[in-house]
PDB file of all heavy atoms in Angstrom:
ATOM      1  N   VAL A   1     -35.876  42.951  47.258  1.00  0.00           N
ATOM      2  CA  VAL A   1     -36.903  42.418  46.367  1.00  0.00           C
ATOM      3  C   VAL A   1     -37.201  40.956  46.711  1.00  0.00           C
ATOM      4  O   VAL A   1     -38.353  40.525  46.662  1.00  0.00           O
ATOM      5  CB  VAL A   1     -36.464  42.572  44.887  1.00  0.00           C
ATOM      6  CG1 VAL A   1     -37.371  41.791  43.944  1.00  0.00           C
ATOM      7  CG2 VAL A   1     -36.427  44.051  44.507  1.00  0.00           C
ATOM      8  N   GLN A   2     -36.183  40.210  47.094  1.00  0.00           N
ATOM      9  CA  GLN A   2     -36.357  38.801  47.465  1.00  0.00           C
ATOM     10  C   GLN A   2     -37.338  38.660  48.628  1.00  0.00           C
ATOM     11  O   GLN A   2     -38.118  37.712  48.677  1.00  0.00           O
ATOM     12  CB  GLN A   2     -34.993  38.229  47.844  1.00  0.00           C
ATOM     13  CG  GLN A   2     -34.964  36.786  48.166  1.00  0.00           C
ATOM     14  CD  GLN A   2     -33.549  36.328  48.530  1.00  0.00           C
ATOM     15  OE1 GLN A   2     -32.564  37.046  48.386  1.00  0.00           O
ATOM     16  NE2 GLN A   2     -33.452  35.125  49.033  1.00  0.00           N
ATOM     17  N   VAL A   3     -37.327  39.599  49.559  1.00  0.00           N
ATOM     18  CA  VAL A   3     -38.196  39.521  50.736  1.00  0.00           C
ATOM     19  C   VAL A   3     -39.549  40.196  50.489  1.00  0.00           C
ATOM     20  O   VAL A   3     -40.590  39.647  50.837  1.00  0.00           O
ATOM     21  CB  VAL A   3     -37.502  40.135  51.975  1.00  0.00           C
ATOM     22  CG1 VAL A   3     -38.451  40.166  53.171  1.00  0.00           C
ATOM     23  CG2 VAL A   3     -36.236  39.348  52.313  1.00  0.00           C
ATOM     24  N   TYR A   4     -39.549  41.375  49.869  1.00  0.00           N
ATOM     25  CA  TYR A   4     -40.774  42.172  49.753  1.00  0.00           C
ATOM     26  C   TYR A   4     -41.421  42.161  48.372  1.00  0.00           C
ATOM     27  O   TYR A   4     -42.507  42.700  48.202  1.00  0.00           O
ATOM     28  CB  TYR A   4     -40.496  43.626  50.159  1.00  0.00           C
ATOM     29  CG  TYR A   4     -40.222  43.760  51.627  1.00  0.00           C
ATOM     30  CD1 TYR A   4     -38.960  44.096  52.075  1.00  0.00           C
ATOM     31  CD2 TYR A   4     -41.217  43.526  52.572  1.00  0.00           C
ATOM     32  CE1 TYR A   4     -38.689  44.211  53.436  1.00  0.00           C
ATOM     33  CE2 TYR A   4     -40.965  43.637  53.925  1.00  0.00           C
ATOM     34  CZ  TYR A   4     -39.696  43.985  54.349  1.00  0.00           C
ATOM     35  OH  TYR A   4     -39.440  44.089  55.690  1.00  0.00           O
ATOM     36  N   GLY A   5     -40.763  41.577  47.397  1.00  0.00           N
ATOM     37  CA  GLY A   5     -41.332  41.550  46.059  1.00  0.00           C
ATOM     38  C   GLY A   5     -40.861  42.721  45.213  1.00  0.00           C
ATOM     39  O   GLY A   5     -40.198  43.651  45.679  1.00  0.00           O
ATOM     40  N   GLU A   6     -41.235  42.662  43.963  1.00  0.00           N
ATOM     41  CA  GLU A   6     -40.761  43.613  42.956  1.00  0.00           C
ATOM     42  C   GLU A   6     -41.111  45.065  43.298  1.00  0.00           C
ATOM     43  O   GLU A   6     -40.379  45.989  42.939  1.00  0.00           O
ATOM     44  CB  GLU A   6     -41.333  43.225  41.593  1.00  0.00           C
ATOM     45  CG  GLU A   6     -40.706  43.919  40.420  1.00  0.00           C
ATOM     46  CD  GLU A   6     -39.206  43.685  40.292  1.00  0.00           C
ATOM     47  OE1 GLU A   6     -38.741  42.546  40.501  1.00  0.00           O
ATOM     48  OE2 GLU A   6     -38.495  44.655  39.964  1.00  0.00           O
ATOM     49  N   ARG A   7     -42.202  45.289  44.009  1.00  0.00           N
ATOM     50  CA  ARG A   7     -42.610  46.665  44.332  1.00  0.00           C
ATOM     51  C   ARG A   7     -41.543  47.407  45.140  1.00  0.00           C
ATOM     52  O   ARG A   7     -41.490  48.626  45.140  1.00  0.00           O
ATOM     53  CB  ARG A   7     -43.942  46.669  45.065  1.00  0.00           C
ATOM     54  CG  ARG A   7     -43.870  46.092  46.477  1.00  0.00           C
ATOM     55  CD  ARG A   7     -45.251  46.012  47.134  1.00  0.00           C
ATOM     56  NE  ARG A   7     -45.180  45.556  48.491  1.00  0.00           N
ATOM     57  CZ  ARG A   7     -45.023  44.296  48.874  1.00  0.00           C
ATOM     58  NH1 ARG A   7     -44.923  43.348  47.978  1.00  0.00           N
ATOM     59  NH2 ARG A   7     -44.972  43.966  50.146  1.00  0.00           N
ATOM     60  N   ALA A   8     -40.676  46.671  45.835  1.00  0.00           N
ATOM     61  CA  ALA A   8     -39.652  47.303  46.681  1.00  0.00           C
ATOM     62  C   ALA A   8     -38.479  47.858  45.871  1.00  0.00           C
ATOM     63  O   ALA A   8     -37.761  48.734  46.351  1.00  0.00           O
ATOM     64  CB  ALA A   8     -39.131  46.292  47.703  1.00  0.00           C
ATOM     65  N   ARG A   9     -38.290  47.390  44.645  1.00  0.00           N
ATOM     66  CA  ARG A   9     -37.126  47.782  43.852  1.00  0.00           C
ATOM     67  C   ARG A   9     -37.023  49.299  43.690  1.00  0.00           C
ATOM     68  O   ARG A   9     -35.978  49.899  43.914  1.00  0.00           O
ATOM     69  CB  ARG A   9     -37.160  47.116  42.486  1.00  0.00           C
ATOM     70  CG  ARG A   9     -35.937  47.441  41.627  1.00  0.00           C
ATOM     71  CD  ARG A   9     -35.991  46.767  40.261  1.00  0.00           C
ATOM     72  NE  ARG A   9     -36.202  45.337  40.335  1.00  0.00           N
ATOM     73  CZ  ARG A   9     -35.261  44.443  40.638  1.00  0.00           C
ATOM     74  NH1 ARG A   9     -34.020  44.847  40.868  1.00  0.00           N
ATOM     75  NH2 ARG A   9     -35.547  43.157  40.691  1.00  0.00           N
ATOM     76  N   ALA A  10     -38.085  49.929  43.267  1.00  0.00           N
ATOM     77  CA  ALA A  10     -38.057  51.365  42.976  1.00  0.00           C
ATOM     78  C   ALA A  10     -37.846  52.226  44.226  1.00  0.00           C
ATOM     79  O   ALA A  10     -37.438  53.377  44.120  1.00  0.00           O
ATOM     80  CB  ALA A  10     -39.348  51.784  42.268  1.00  0.00           C
ATOM     81  N   MET A  11     -38.098  51.658  45.388  1.00  0.00           N
ATOM     82  CA  MET A  11     -37.963  52.426  46.625  1.00  0.00           C
ATOM     83  C   MET A  11     -36.605  52.268  47.296  1.00  0.00           C
ATOM     84  O   MET A  11     -36.263  53.023  48.198  1.00  0.00           O
ATOM     85  CB  MET A  11     -39.051  51.991  47.620  1.00  0.00           C
ATOM     86  CG  MET A  11     -40.451  52.285  47.152  1.00  0.00           C
ATOM     87  SD  MET A  11     -41.675  51.812  48.394  1.00  0.00           S
ATOM     88  CE  MET A  11     -41.696  50.041  48.216  1.00  0.00           C
ATOM     89  N   ALA A  12     -35.816  51.292  46.886  1.00  0.00           N
ATOM     90  CA  ALA A  12     -34.552  50.979  47.566  1.00  0.00           C
ATOM     91  C   ALA A  12     -33.517  52.080  47.348  1.00  0.00           C
ATOM     92  O   ALA A  12     -33.259  52.492  46.221  1.00  0.00           O
ATOM     93  CB  ALA A  12     -34.005  49.653  47.062  1.00  0.00           C
ATOM     94  N   VAL A  13     -32.938  52.535  48.441  1.00  0.00           N
ATOM     95  CA  VAL A  13     -31.850  53.514  48.411  1.00  0.00           C
ATOM     96  C   VAL A  13     -30.634  52.843  49.050  1.00  0.00           C
ATOM     97  O   VAL A  13     -30.751  52.221  50.109  1.00  0.00           O
ATOM     98  CB  VAL A  13     -32.218  54.782  49.212  1.00  0.00           C
ATOM     99  CG1 VAL A  13     -31.038  55.737  49.309  1.00  0.00           C
ATOM    100  CG2 VAL A  13     -33.430  55.472  48.611  1.00  0.00           C
ATOM    101  N   VAL A  14     -29.474  52.945  48.404  1.00  0.00           N
ATOM    102  CA  VAL A  14     -28.235  52.353  48.926  1.00  0.00           C
ATOM    103  C   VAL A  14     -27.161  53.430  48.962  1.00  0.00           C
ATOM    104  O   VAL A  14     -26.885  54.060  47.946  1.00  0.00           O
ATOM    105  CB  VAL A  14     -27.752  51.170  48.052  1.00  0.00           C
ATOM    106  CG1 VAL A  14     -26.463  50.584  48.614  1.00  0.00           C
ATOM    107  CG2 VAL A  14     -28.828  50.096  47.936  1.00  0.00           C
ATOM    108  N   GLU A  15     -26.585  53.645  50.118  1.00  0.00           N
ATOM    109  CA  GLU A  15     -25.444  54.544  50.288  1.00  0.00           C
ATOM    110  C   GLU A  15     -24.261  53.718  50.760  1.00  0.00           C
ATOM    111  O   GLU A  15     -24.405  52.904  51.668  1.00  0.00           O
ATOM    112  CB  GLU A  15     -25.717  55.606  51.352  1.00  0.00           C
ATOM    113  CG  GLU A  15     -26.709  56.658  50.964  1.00  0.00           C
ATOM    114  CD  GLU A  15     -26.827  57.687  52.068  1.00  0.00           C
ATOM    115  OE1 GLU A  15     -27.341  57.327  53.145  1.00  0.00           O
ATOM    116  OE2 GLU A  15     -26.380  58.822  51.864  1.00  0.00           O
ATOM    117  N   ILE A  16     -23.110  53.950  50.155  1.00  0.00           N
ATOM    118  CA  ILE A  16     -21.905  53.205  50.519  1.00  0.00           C
ATOM    119  C   ILE A  16     -20.876  54.185  51.056  1.00  0.00           C
ATOM    120  O   ILE A  16     -20.559  55.180  50.392  1.00  0.00           O
ATOM    121  CB  ILE A  16     -21.335  52.451  49.298  1.00  0.00           C
ATOM    122  CG1 ILE A  16     -22.393  51.481  48.757  1.00  0.00           C
ATOM    123  CG2 ILE A  16     -20.050  51.730  49.665  1.00  0.00           C
ATOM    124  CD1 ILE A  16     -22.052  50.879  47.417  1.00  0.00           C
ATOM    125  N   PHE A  17     -20.386  53.902  52.247  1.00  0.00           N
ATOM    126  CA  PHE A  17     -19.390  54.747  52.899  1.00  0.00           C
ATOM    127  C   PHE A  17     -18.097  53.959  53.044  1.00  0.00           C
ATOM    128  O   PHE A  17     -18.093  52.896  53.665  1.00  0.00           O
ATOM    129  CB  PHE A  17     -19.869  55.196  54.288  1.00  0.00           C
ATOM    130  CG  PHE A  17     -21.146  55.980  54.255  1.00  0.00           C
ATOM    131  CD1 PHE A  17     -22.372  55.353  54.415  1.00  0.00           C
ATOM    132  CD2 PHE A  17     -21.127  57.345  54.041  1.00  0.00           C
ATOM    133  CE1 PHE A  17     -23.553  56.065  54.370  1.00  0.00           C
ATOM    134  CE2 PHE A  17     -22.306  58.082  53.993  1.00  0.00           C
ATOM    135  CZ  PHE A  17     -23.523  57.440  54.161  1.00  0.00           C
ATOM    136  N   GLY A  18     -17.027  54.473  52.483  1.00  0.00           N
ATOM    137  CA  GLY A  18     -15.725  53.853  52.642  1.00  0.00           C
ATOM    138  C   GLY A  18     -15.012  54.434  53.848  1.00  0.00           C
ATOM    139  O   GLY A  18     -14.898  55.651  53.980  1.00  0.00           O
ATOM    140  N   VAL A  19     -14.564  53.572  54.734  1.00  0.00           N
ATOM    141  CA  VAL A  19     -13.847  53.998  55.939  1.00  0.00           C
ATOM    142  C   VAL A  19     -12.415  53.466  55.833  1.00  0.00           C
ATOM    143  O   VAL A  19     -12.218  52.250  55.693  1.00  0.00           O
ATOM    144  CB  VAL A  19     -14.519  53.436  57.213  1.00  0.00           C
ATOM    145  CG1 VAL A  19     -13.773  53.882  58.456  1.00  0.00           C
ATOM    146  CG2 VAL A  19     -15.985  53.857  57.279  1.00  0.00           C
ATOM    147  N   PRO A  20     -11.421  54.363  55.872  1.00  0.00           N
ATOM    148  CA  PRO A  20     -10.044  53.878  55.822  1.00  0.00           C
ATOM    149  C   PRO A  20      -9.780  52.867  56.936  1.00  0.00           C
ATOM    150  O   PRO A  20     -10.244  53.022  58.070  1.00  0.00           O
ATOM    151  CB  PRO A  20      -9.207  55.138  56.012  1.00  0.00           C
ATOM    152  CG  PRO A  20     -10.098  56.258  55.547  1.00  0.00           C
ATOM    153  CD  PRO A  20     -11.488  55.826  55.944  1.00  0.00           C
ATOM    154  N   ARG A  21      -9.049  51.826  56.618  1.00  0.00           N
ATOM    155  CA  ARG A  21      -8.792  50.724  57.549  1.00  0.00           C
ATOM    156  C   ARG A  21      -8.287  51.226  58.904  1.00  0.00           C
ATOM    157  O   ARG A  21      -8.692  50.732  59.949  1.00  0.00           O
ATOM    158  CB  ARG A  21      -7.780  49.758  56.926  1.00  0.00           C
ATOM    159  CG  ARG A  21      -7.660  48.444  57.660  1.00  0.00           C
ATOM    160  CD  ARG A  21      -6.772  47.456  56.926  1.00  0.00           C
ATOM    161  NE  ARG A  21      -7.299  47.059  55.630  1.00  0.00           N
ATOM    162  CZ  ARG A  21      -8.176  46.062  55.440  1.00  0.00           C
ATOM    163  NH1 ARG A  21      -8.605  45.366  56.467  1.00  0.00           N
ATOM    164  NH2 ARG A  21      -8.600  45.760  54.241  1.00  0.00           N
ATOM    165  N   GLN A  22      -7.407  52.222  58.904  1.00  0.00           N
ATOM    166  CA  GLN A  22      -6.847  52.718  60.172  1.00  0.00           C
ATOM    167  C   GLN A  22      -7.870  53.496  60.999  1.00  0.00           C
ATOM    168  O   GLN A  22      -7.619  53.801  62.156  1.00  0.00           O
ATOM    169  CB  GLN A  22      -5.587  53.562  59.919  1.00  0.00           C
ATOM    170  CG  GLN A  22      -5.837  54.902  59.272  1.00  0.00           C
ATOM    171  CD  GLN A  22      -5.874  54.857  57.744  1.00  0.00           C
ATOM    172  OE1 GLN A  22      -5.961  53.797  57.143  1.00  0.00           O
ATOM    173  NE2 GLN A  22      -5.811  56.019  57.117  1.00  0.00           N
ATOM    174  N   ARG A  23      -9.032  53.783  60.434  1.00  0.00           N
ATOM    175  CA  ARG A  23     -10.100  54.476  61.177  1.00  0.00           C
ATOM    176  C   ARG A  23     -11.213  53.530  61.591  1.00  0.00           C
ATOM    177  O   ARG A  23     -12.301  53.970  61.964  1.00  0.00           O
ATOM    178  CB  ARG A  23     -10.677  55.601  60.322  1.00  0.00           C
ATOM    179  CG  ARG A  23      -9.688  56.705  60.079  1.00  0.00           C
ATOM    180  CD  ARG A  23     -10.347  57.844  59.388  1.00  0.00           C
ATOM    181  NE  ARG A  23      -9.351  58.795  58.921  1.00  0.00           N
ATOM    182  CZ  ARG A  23      -9.589  59.722  58.038  1.00  0.00           C
ATOM    183  NH1 ARG A  23     -10.787  59.834  57.505  1.00  0.00           N
ATOM    184  NH2 ARG A  23      -8.638  60.534  57.665  1.00  0.00           N
ATOM    185  N   TRP A  24     -10.983  52.242  61.531  1.00  0.00           N
ATOM    186  CA  TRP A  24     -11.987  51.227  61.862  1.00  0.00           C
ATOM    187  C   TRP A  24     -11.361  50.314  62.894  1.00  0.00           C
ATOM    188  O   TRP A  24     -10.378  49.636  62.613  1.00  0.00           O
ATOM    189  CB  TRP A  24     -12.319  50.445  60.603  1.00  0.00           C
ATOM    190  CG  TRP A  24     -13.500  49.521  60.691  1.00  0.00           C
ATOM    191  CD1 TRP A  24     -13.770  48.603  61.651  1.00  0.00           C
ATOM    192  CD2 TRP A  24     -14.550  49.412  59.738  1.00  0.00           C
ATOM    193  NE1 TRP A  24     -14.914  47.928  61.367  1.00  0.00           N
ATOM    194  CE2 TRP A  24     -15.424  48.404  60.179  1.00  0.00           C
ATOM    195  CE3 TRP A  24     -14.836  50.056  58.534  1.00  0.00           C
ATOM    196  CZ2 TRP A  24     -16.558  48.031  59.480  1.00  0.00           C
ATOM    197  CZ3 TRP A  24     -15.968  49.686  57.847  1.00  0.00           C
ATOM    198  CH2 TRP A  24     -16.824  48.687  58.318  1.00  0.00           C
ATOM    199  N   GLY A  25     -11.906  50.304  64.083  1.00  0.00           N
ATOM    200  CA  GLY A  25     -11.329  49.493  65.143  1.00  0.00           C
ATOM    201  C   GLY A  25     -12.285  48.454  65.680  1.00  0.00           C
ATOM    202  O   GLY A  25     -13.492  48.657  65.706  1.00  0.00           O
ATOM    203  N   VAL A  26     -11.716  47.344  66.109  1.00  0.00           N
ATOM    204  CA  VAL A  26     -12.476  46.269  66.751  1.00  0.00           C
ATOM    205  C   VAL A  26     -11.667  45.807  67.950  1.00  0.00           C
ATOM    206  O   VAL A  26     -10.465  45.548  67.827  1.00  0.00           O
ATOM    207  CB  VAL A  26     -12.714  45.087  65.784  1.00  0.00           C
ATOM    208  CG1 VAL A  26     -13.421  43.944  66.503  1.00  0.00           C
ATOM    209  CG2 VAL A  26     -13.511  45.534  64.568  1.00  0.00           C
ATOM    210  N   GLY A  27     -12.291  45.735  69.111  1.00  0.00           N
ATOM    211  CA  GLY A  27     -11.613  45.252  70.304  1.00  0.00           C
ATOM    212  C   GLY A  27     -10.466  46.139  70.758  1.00  0.00           C
ATOM    213  O   GLY A  27      -9.510  45.663  71.351  1.00  0.00           O
ATOM    214  N   GLY A  28     -10.560  47.435  70.450  1.00  0.00           N
ATOM    215  CA  GLY A  28      -9.531  48.370  70.897  1.00  0.00           C
ATOM    216  C   GLY A  28      -8.323  48.481  69.985  1.00  0.00           C
ATOM    217  O   GLY A  28      -7.338  49.136  70.331  1.00  0.00           O
ATOM    218  N   ALA A  29      -8.396  47.851  68.808  1.00  0.00           N
ATOM    219  CA  ALA A  29      -7.266  47.900  67.870  1.00  0.00           C
ATOM    220  C   ALA A  29      -7.804  48.090  66.451  1.00  0.00           C
ATOM    221  O   ALA A  29      -8.945  47.717  66.163  1.00  0.00           O
ATOM    222  CB  ALA A  29      -6.467  46.595  67.941  1.00  0.00           C
ATOM    223  N   PRO A  30      -6.981  48.656  65.570  1.00  0.00           N
ATOM    224  CA  PRO A  30      -7.425  48.766  64.178  1.00  0.00           C
ATOM    225  C   PRO A  30      -7.824  47.394  63.640  1.00  0.00           C
ATOM    226  O   PRO A  30      -7.188  46.383  63.949  1.00  0.00           O
ATOM    227  CB  PRO A  30      -6.195  49.309  63.447  1.00  0.00           C
ATOM    228  CG  PRO A  30      -5.434  50.048  64.512  1.00  0.00           C
ATOM    229  CD  PRO A  30      -5.657  49.249  65.774  1.00  0.00           C
TER     230      PRO A  30
END
């Protein structure tokens, strides 16, 4: 809404995915 204005509010969809820490790696390590 801050960028596109109030008209964007009703269209916004948010999905949140939780990934267990041991299944998330950076640089070849958890």
